Amino acid sequence: MARTRVAVICGGASAEHEVSLQSARNIVAALDRERFEVRVIGIDKAGVWHAAKTDDFVDHADDPQRIALKAEAAALAVVPGRDAGQIIAAETGEVVFEVDVAFPIVHGPTGEDGTLQGLLRAANIACVGAGVLGSAAAMDKDVTKRLLRDAGIGIAPFRVIKRPTAEHVDYALLAAELGSPLFVKPANLGSSVGVSRVANAAEFDQALALALRFDHKVLIESAVVGREIECAVLGNDDPTASTVGEVVVADGGFYAYDTKYVDDSADVVIPAELDAATTEAVRAVALATYAALDCCGLARVDVFVTENGEVIVNEINTLPGFTRISMYPKLWAESGIAYPDLVARLVELAAERQAADRALATSM
């Protein structure tokens, strides 16, 4: 039986480039070479696609701060509309390799915001994870919150600031409305890049300037007092939710980028020490969030559980990390799906979704 040809796409022109490379290494290592023919497409920080060596595509692999995509001379291009030969050499036009399923693990803008998903769909390549709408809606924290609010799902109070009006924002008015401390976040970024917790006007001005380095739109959010709980979701039309895990950050801190990927200082408790009713409530909210945002394939839903048992959605990640410390694969391992089986199932789900899409009529 022919092996499924899988292209792991990683890197990207975003602040989450290094996280993507860490995830990609683990996915490549986990794909069963008897079932899958594996290729790697590395996207450099300028956004250029390159064919990379499958088992040797990064430098400084064990250093999250120095990990880097190995430079490749030849750039790749994608040809939409074809059923084969979509990945070509940019200079010569020759087909470089064939792809049945793309496994994009490109975090951040142009990776998990629907841009890449739309390109792959136009090229008739099955894609792991959410489609264009689900990816775009889940990436934009402002849009996510509006859709969840409309669906009756709990969210923290928030306001949105856009670049043209940012200089006129009054911290005192925001704090009076939303409370203190406040969280300041780029609307379209993950991995806690550019996120700050602020408790006064000076901190707010610095945080707003930082967030505006990464996005044109900034989310200002009330702080929620509660336990940080995460749940993984897997599936297309009939998704399932994993057991839940808890992130415990020492000394009253928050789950920032360095905590997640550099110093590994947070404690992760899987399964979370919650009663059965609360655990099921979190799983139900995760599935409802997944459905409200038109997700498929996979997602990780992060929530707060308050003292009175209320479940408040913090965010959803449609391409969660697959690093050695990432919660998504850990949650499924605890739920009975080992890492190699998980990545294999994700490839299968992508192929199933593409088959369903291609069965739709395209003419009267």
Protein backbone atom coordinates (compact mmCIF):
# COMPACT_ATOMS: atom_id res chain seq x y z
CA MET A 1 0.00 0.00 0.00
CA ALA A 2 1.37 3.42 -1.01
CA ARG A 3 2.49 5.68 1.78
CA THR A 4 0.66 8.98 2.33
CA ARG A 5 2.90 11.84 1.30
CA VAL A 6 2.97 14.37 4.15
CA ALA A 7 4.66 17.78 4.04
CA VAL A 8 5.32 19.33 7.45
CA ILE A 9 5.33 23.10 6.96
CA CYS A 10 7.15 25.12 9.62
CA GLY A 11 8.89 28.37 10.46
CA GLY A 12 7.18 31.43 9.07
CA ALA A 13 7.49 35.20 9.12
CA SER A 14 6.12 35.71 12.61
CA ALA A 15 7.31 36.15 16.18
CA GLU A 16 6.46 32.48 16.78
CA HIS A 17 8.98 31.19 14.21
CA GLU A 18 11.16 29.41 16.76
CA VAL A 19 8.22 27.74 18.51
CA SER A 20 7.12 26.39 15.13
CA LEU A 21 10.52 24.81 14.49
CA GLN A 22 10.43 23.08 17.88
CA SER A 23 6.98 21.66 17.14
CA ALA A 24 7.94 20.55 13.65
CA ARG A 25 10.91 18.53 14.88
CA ASN A 26 8.65 16.50 17.14
CA ILE A 27 5.98 15.94 14.49
CA VAL A 28 8.54 14.79 11.92
CA ALA A 29 10.05 12.38 14.44
CA ALA A 30 6.61 10.99 15.34
CA LEU A 31 5.32 10.30 11.82
CA ASP A 32 5.57 6.57 11.09
CA ARG A 33 7.81 6.22 8.03
CA GLU A 34 6.14 2.93 7.12
CA ARG A 35 2.84 4.76 6.71
CA PHE A 36 4.02 8.21 5.66
CA GLU A 37 6.54 9.62 3.21
CA VAL A 38 7.64 12.75 5.06
CA ARG A 39 8.93 16.01 3.61
CA VAL A 40 9.66 19.33 5.29
CA ILE A 41 8.91 22.76 3.90
CA GLY A 42 10.70 25.44 5.89
CA ILE A 43 9.47 29.04 5.68
CA ASP A 44 12.19 31.53 6.51
CA LYS A 45 11.65 34.77 8.41
CA ALA A 46 11.14 36.65 5.15
CA GLY A 47 8.28 34.29 4.28
CA VAL A 48 10.12 32.41 1.52
CA TRP A 49 9.42 28.66 1.23
CA HIS A 50 12.30 26.20 0.98
CA ALA A 51 12.63 22.44 0.64
CA ALA A 52 14.40 21.27 3.79
CA LYS A 53 16.16 18.05 4.75
CA THR A 54 13.58 15.90 6.50
CA ASP A 55 15.77 14.79 9.39
CA ASP A 56 18.16 17.74 9.55
CA PHE A 57 16.36 21.03 9.00
CA VAL A 58 17.32 23.10 12.07
CA ASP A 59 20.45 24.38 13.77
CA HIS A 60 20.72 24.55 17.59
CA ALA A 61 17.86 22.08 17.90
CA ASP A 62 18.01 21.85 21.69
CA ASP A 63 18.12 25.58 22.41
CA PRO A 64 14.67 27.26 22.20
CA GLN A 65 16.26 30.70 21.93
CA ARG A 66 18.81 29.88 19.20
CA ILE A 67 16.96 27.25 17.16
CA ALA A 68 17.06 28.28 13.49
CA LEU A 69 15.94 26.99 10.12
CA LYS A 70 18.85 25.74 8.05
CA ALA A 71 19.22 27.91 4.97
CA GLU A 72 18.36 26.28 1.66
CA ALA A 73 19.28 27.91 -1.65
CA ALA A 74 16.25 26.92 -3.69
CA ALA A 75 12.92 28.66 -3.12
CA LEU A 76 9.63 26.84 -3.61
CA ALA A 77 6.36 27.98 -5.15
CA VAL A 78 2.84 26.59 -4.98
CA VAL A 79 0.67 26.17 -8.07
CA PRO A 80 -3.09 26.43 -7.38
CA GLY A 81 -5.62 24.38 -9.30
CA ARG A 82 -3.57 21.27 -9.96
CA ASP A 83 -4.33 17.81 -8.58
CA ALA A 84 -0.62 16.89 -8.63
CA GLY A 85 2.70 18.65 -9.01
CA GLN A 86 1.67 21.65 -6.91
CA ILE A 87 5.06 22.15 -5.19
CA ILE A 88 7.59 23.46 -7.70
CA ALA A 89 11.00 25.10 -7.74
CA ALA A 90 10.41 28.84 -7.99
CA GLU A 91 13.21 29.41 -10.51
CA THR A 92 12.84 26.43 -12.82
CA GLY A 93 9.19 25.47 -12.45
CA GLU A 94 10.14 21.81 -11.98
CA VAL A 95 8.07 19.70 -9.59
CA VAL A 96 10.08 19.22 -6.40
CA PHE A 97 7.92 16.61 -4.66
CA GLU A 98 4.31 15.47 -4.43
CA VAL A 99 2.12 16.14 -1.38
CA ASP A 100 -1.10 14.43 -0.32
CA VAL A 101 -1.49 16.13 3.06
CA ALA A 102 0.13 19.26 4.46
CA PHE A 103 0.74 19.41 8.20
CA PRO A 104 1.18 23.14 8.83
CA ILE A 105 2.69 23.93 12.19
CA VAL A 106 3.28 27.59 11.35
CA HIS A 107 2.13 29.64 14.32
CA GLY A 108 0.94 33.22 14.14
CA PRO A 109 0.00 35.48 11.20
CA THR A 110 0.19 33.93 7.71
CA GLY A 111 0.33 30.51 9.37
CA GLU A 112 -2.76 29.85 11.47
CA ASP A 113 -4.89 32.81 10.46
CA GLY A 114 -6.43 31.24 7.35
CA THR A 115 -3.85 32.58 4.90
CA LEU A 116 -1.90 29.34 4.56
CA GLN A 117 -5.07 27.25 4.77
CA GLY A 118 -6.59 29.14 1.83
CA LEU A 119 -3.46 28.69 -0.27
CA LEU A 120 -3.39 24.95 0.39
CA ARG A 121 -7.07 24.58 -0.41
CA ALA A 122 -6.62 26.47 -3.68
CA ALA A 123 -3.77 24.05 -4.48
CA ASN A 124 -5.97 20.99 -3.73
CA ILE A 125 -3.71 19.86 -0.89
CA ALA A 126 -5.40 18.45 2.22
CA CYS A 127 -4.52 20.46 5.31
CA VAL A 128 -4.32 19.42 8.96
CA GLY A 129 -6.43 21.63 11.19
CA ALA A 130 -9.14 24.22 10.75
CA GLY A 131 -10.10 25.70 7.41
CA VAL A 132 -10.02 29.34 6.34
CA LEU A 133 -12.97 30.59 8.42
CA GLY A 134 -12.17 28.67 11.61
CA SER A 135 -8.50 29.62 11.44
CA ALA A 136 -9.18 33.31 10.85
CA ALA A 137 -11.91 33.58 13.48
CA ALA A 138 -9.89 31.79 16.15
CA MET A 139 -6.73 33.76 15.42
CA ASP A 140 -8.36 37.15 15.97
CA LYS A 141 -9.06 37.42 19.71
CA ASP A 142 -11.54 40.23 19.14
CA VAL A 143 -13.60 38.19 16.63
CA THR A 144 -13.28 35.07 18.81
CA LYS A 145 -14.76 36.86 21.80
CA ARG A 146 -17.63 38.32 19.79
CA LEU A 147 -18.58 34.92 18.36
CA LEU A 148 -18.32 33.19 21.75
CA ARG A 149 -20.38 35.92 23.39
CA ASP A 150 -23.05 35.47 20.73
CA ALA A 151 -23.04 31.71 21.40
CA GLY A 152 -23.60 32.29 25.12
CA ILE A 153 -20.13 31.08 26.13
CA GLY A 154 -18.40 32.83 29.05
CA ILE A 155 -15.63 35.33 28.23
CA ALA A 156 -13.80 38.05 30.15
CA PRO A 157 -14.96 41.66 29.61
CA PHE A 158 -12.83 43.40 26.98
CA ARG A 159 -12.26 46.41 24.79
CA VAL A 160 -10.37 46.74 21.51
CA ILE A 161 -7.94 49.50 20.55
CA LYS A 162 -6.86 50.11 16.97
CA ARG A 163 -3.66 51.86 15.98
CA PRO A 164 -5.23 55.13 14.69
CA THR A 165 -6.92 55.82 18.04
CA ALA A 166 -4.32 54.34 20.41
CA GLU A 167 -2.78 57.66 21.45
CA HIS A 168 -6.14 58.87 22.77
CA VAL A 169 -6.80 55.92 25.09
CA ASP A 170 -7.30 56.83 28.73
CA TYR A 171 -6.03 54.14 31.11
CA ALA A 172 -8.06 55.46 34.03
CA LEU A 173 -11.31 55.09 32.08
CA LEU A 174 -10.40 51.56 31.00
CA ALA A 175 -9.49 50.55 34.55
CA ALA A 176 -12.74 52.03 35.84
CA GLU A 177 -14.70 49.93 33.35
CA LEU A 178 -12.69 46.69 33.30
CA GLY A 179 -10.92 46.71 36.66
CA SER A 180 -7.27 46.35 37.56
CA PRO A 181 -4.98 44.69 36.70
CA LEU A 182 -5.62 44.54 32.96
CA PHE A 183 -4.14 42.32 30.28
CA VAL A 184 -2.93 43.91 27.05
CA LYS A 185 -2.58 41.58 24.04
CA PRO A 186 -1.97 41.79 20.30
CA ALA A 187 -5.28 40.62 18.80
CA ASN A 188 -3.65 38.32 16.24
CA LEU A 189 -0.78 36.47 17.86
CA GLY A 190 -0.24 33.49 20.11
CA SER A 191 2.32 31.94 22.48
CA SER A 192 1.83 34.96 24.78
CA VAL A 193 4.03 37.07 22.49
CA GLY A 194 3.53 40.76 23.24
CA VAL A 195 1.22 40.09 26.20
CA SER A 196 1.51 42.23 29.34
CA ARG A 197 -0.24 42.51 32.67
CA VAL A 198 -0.56 46.12 33.81
CA ALA A 199 -1.70 47.86 36.97
CA ASN A 200 -1.00 51.55 36.30
CA ALA A 201 -0.88 54.11 33.50
CA ALA A 202 2.87 53.90 32.93
CA GLU A 203 2.77 50.11 32.58
CA PHE A 204 -0.22 50.42 30.29
CA ASP A 205 1.54 52.83 27.92
CA GLN A 206 4.53 50.49 27.66
CA ALA A 207 2.29 47.44 27.15
CA LEU A 208 0.24 49.16 24.46
CA ALA A 209 3.38 50.17 22.57
CA LEU A 210 4.68 46.60 22.81
CA ALA A 211 1.42 45.06 21.55
CA LEU A 212 1.28 47.53 18.65
CA ARG A 213 4.69 46.29 17.51
CA PHE A 214 3.01 43.00 16.60
CA ASP A 215 -0.49 43.98 15.47
CA HIS A 216 -2.69 46.88 14.37
CA LYS A 217 -5.38 45.87 16.85
CA VAL A 218 -4.94 45.37 20.59
CA LEU A 219 -7.19 43.57 23.06
CA ILE A 220 -7.60 45.05 26.54
CA GLU A 221 -9.05 42.44 28.88
CA SER A 222 -10.16 42.21 32.48
CA ALA A 223 -8.07 39.94 34.66
CA VAL A 224 -9.94 36.78 35.66
CA VAL A 225 -9.18 35.24 39.03
CA GLY A 226 -9.26 31.52 38.48
CA ARG A 227 -7.34 28.37 37.76
CA GLU A 228 -5.80 28.07 34.26
CA ILE A 229 -7.25 24.91 32.70
CA GLU A 230 -6.63 23.57 29.20
CA CYS A 231 -8.53 21.01 27.12
CA ALA A 232 -7.63 19.44 23.77
CA VAL A 233 -10.21 18.78 21.05
CA LEU A 234 -9.80 16.31 18.18
CA GLY A 235 -12.07 15.56 15.24
CA ASN A 236 -14.14 16.94 12.37
CA ASP A 237 -17.93 16.52 12.44
CA ASP A 238 -18.00 14.57 15.71
CA PRO A 239 -15.09 15.91 17.78
CA THR A 240 -14.05 14.61 21.17
CA ALA A 241 -12.51 16.41 24.15
CA SER A 242 -9.53 15.16 26.12
CA THR A 243 -9.04 15.08 29.83
CA VAL A 244 -8.12 18.49 31.20
CA GLY A 245 -4.84 19.86 32.52
CA GLU A 246 -3.88 22.77 34.74
CA VAL A 247 -1.07 25.27 34.31
CA VAL A 248 0.34 26.48 37.63
CA VAL A 249 2.65 29.51 37.44
CA ALA A 250 4.69 30.36 40.51
CA ASP A 251 4.61 33.64 42.45
CA GLY A 252 1.42 34.97 40.93
CA GLY A 253 2.88 35.27 37.45
CA PHE A 254 1.16 34.50 34.17
CA TYR A 255 1.85 32.00 31.41
CA ALA A 256 4.19 34.19 29.35
CA TYR A 257 6.36 33.23 26.36
CA ASP A 258 9.52 32.54 28.37
CA THR A 259 7.55 30.50 30.89
CA LYS A 260 6.17 28.35 28.07
CA TYR A 261 9.20 27.84 25.86
CA VAL A 262 12.45 29.03 27.42
CA ASP A 263 12.78 28.48 31.18
CA ASP A 264 10.03 25.83 31.53
CA SER A 265 9.16 27.24 34.95
CA ALA A 266 5.42 26.51 35.04
CA ASP A 267 4.04 23.33 36.54
CA VAL A 268 1.60 21.33 34.43
CA VAL A 269 -0.80 19.01 36.24
CA ILE A 270 -2.53 16.37 34.08
CA PRO A 271 -5.23 15.50 34.82
CA ALA A 272 -6.19 18.65 36.65
CA GLU A 273 -7.39 18.15 40.19
CA LEU A 274 -11.01 19.10 39.58
CA ASP A 275 -14.19 17.37 40.60
CA ALA A 276 -15.98 15.32 37.93
CA ALA A 277 -18.73 17.90 37.34
CA THR A 278 -16.26 20.74 36.78
CA THR A 279 -14.11 18.62 34.49
CA GLU A 280 -17.15 17.79 32.36
CA ALA A 281 -18.16 21.45 32.32
CA VAL A 282 -14.74 22.42 30.96
CA ARG A 283 -14.92 19.68 28.31
CA ALA A 284 -18.40 20.82 27.29
CA VAL A 285 -17.25 24.44 26.97
CA ALA A 286 -14.26 23.33 24.90
CA LEU A 287 -16.51 21.46 22.46
CA ALA A 288 -18.98 24.35 22.30
CA THR A 289 -16.13 26.78 21.57
CA TYR A 290 -14.80 24.48 18.85
CA ALA A 291 -18.23 24.37 17.21
CA ALA A 292 -18.92 28.11 17.53
CA LEU A 293 -15.70 28.94 15.68
CA ASP A 294 -16.22 26.35 12.91
CA CYS A 295 -13.10 24.39 13.83
CA CYS A 296 -12.05 20.97 12.59
CA GLY A 297 -9.06 18.67 12.99
CA LEU A 298 -7.69 19.96 16.27
CA ALA A 299 -7.63 22.81 18.74
CA ARG A 300 -6.66 23.51 22.32
CA VAL A 301 -9.14 25.52 24.38
CA ASP A 302 -7.79 27.44 27.37
CA VAL A 303 -10.19 28.50 30.12
CA PHE A 304 -10.29 29.89 33.62
CA VAL A 305 -12.28 28.10 36.31
CA THR A 306 -13.34 30.56 38.98
CA GLU A 307 -13.91 29.90 42.67
CA ASN A 308 -17.64 29.50 42.10
CA GLY A 309 -17.09 27.00 39.27
CA GLU A 310 -17.74 29.35 36.35
CA VAL A 311 -15.85 28.43 33.15
CA ILE A 312 -14.49 31.47 31.25
CA VAL A 313 -12.80 30.96 27.88
CA ASN A 314 -9.41 32.63 27.63
CA GLU A 315 -8.50 31.62 24.07
CA ILE A 316 -8.55 28.87 21.48
CA ASN A 317 -5.52 27.75 19.50
CA THR A 318 -6.22 25.96 16.21
CA LEU A 319 -2.57 25.00 15.66
CA PRO A 320 -1.34 24.35 19.20
CA GLY A 321 2.29 23.69 19.91
CA PHE A 322 3.80 20.24 19.63
CA THR A 323 7.00 21.00 21.53
CA ARG A 324 8.33 18.71 24.26
CA ILE A 325 6.36 20.68 26.88
CA SER A 326 3.20 21.41 24.86
CA MET A 327 -0.13 20.63 26.47
CA TYR A 328 -2.01 19.39 23.40
CA PRO A 329 -0.10 16.12 22.90
CA LYS A 330 0.29 15.67 26.67
CA LEU A 331 -3.46 15.89 27.19
CA TRP A 332 -4.14 13.27 24.52
CA ALA A 333 -1.39 11.00 25.88
CA GLU A 334 -3.15 11.10 29.26
CA SER A 335 -6.43 10.40 27.44
CA GLY A 336 -5.01 7.28 25.78
CA ILE A 337 -3.71 8.50 22.40
CA ALA A 338 0.07 8.30 22.10
CA TYR A 339 1.97 10.98 20.18
CA PRO A 340 2.58 8.90 16.98
CA ASP A 341 -1.07 7.83 16.89
CA LEU A 342 -2.18 11.43 17.44
CA VAL A 343 -0.24 12.88 14.51
CA ALA A 344 -1.36 9.98 12.30
CA ARG A 345 -5.00 10.66 13.22
CA LEU A 346 -4.58 14.33 12.37
CA VAL A 347 -3.32 13.42 8.90
CA GLU A 348 -6.31 11.10 8.45
CA LEU A 349 -8.74 13.81 9.54
CA ALA A 350 -7.26 16.23 7.01
CA ALA A 351 -7.68 13.71 4.20
CA GLU A 352 -11.25 12.96 5.31
CA ARG A 353 -12.14 16.66 5.35
CA GLN A 354 -10.70 17.23 1.88
CA ALA A 355 -12.63 14.24 0.50
CA ALA A 356 -15.85 15.67 1.95
CA ASP A 357 -15.12 19.11 0.48
CA ARG A 358 -14.35 17.72 -2.95
CA ALA A 359 -17.62 15.77 -2.94
CA LEU A 360 -19.54 19.06 -2.91
CA ALA A 361 -21.10 20.19 -6.19
CA THR A 362 -19.30 22.98 -8.03
CA SER A 363 -21.95 23.57 -10.69
CA MET A 364 -25.72 23.34 -11.09
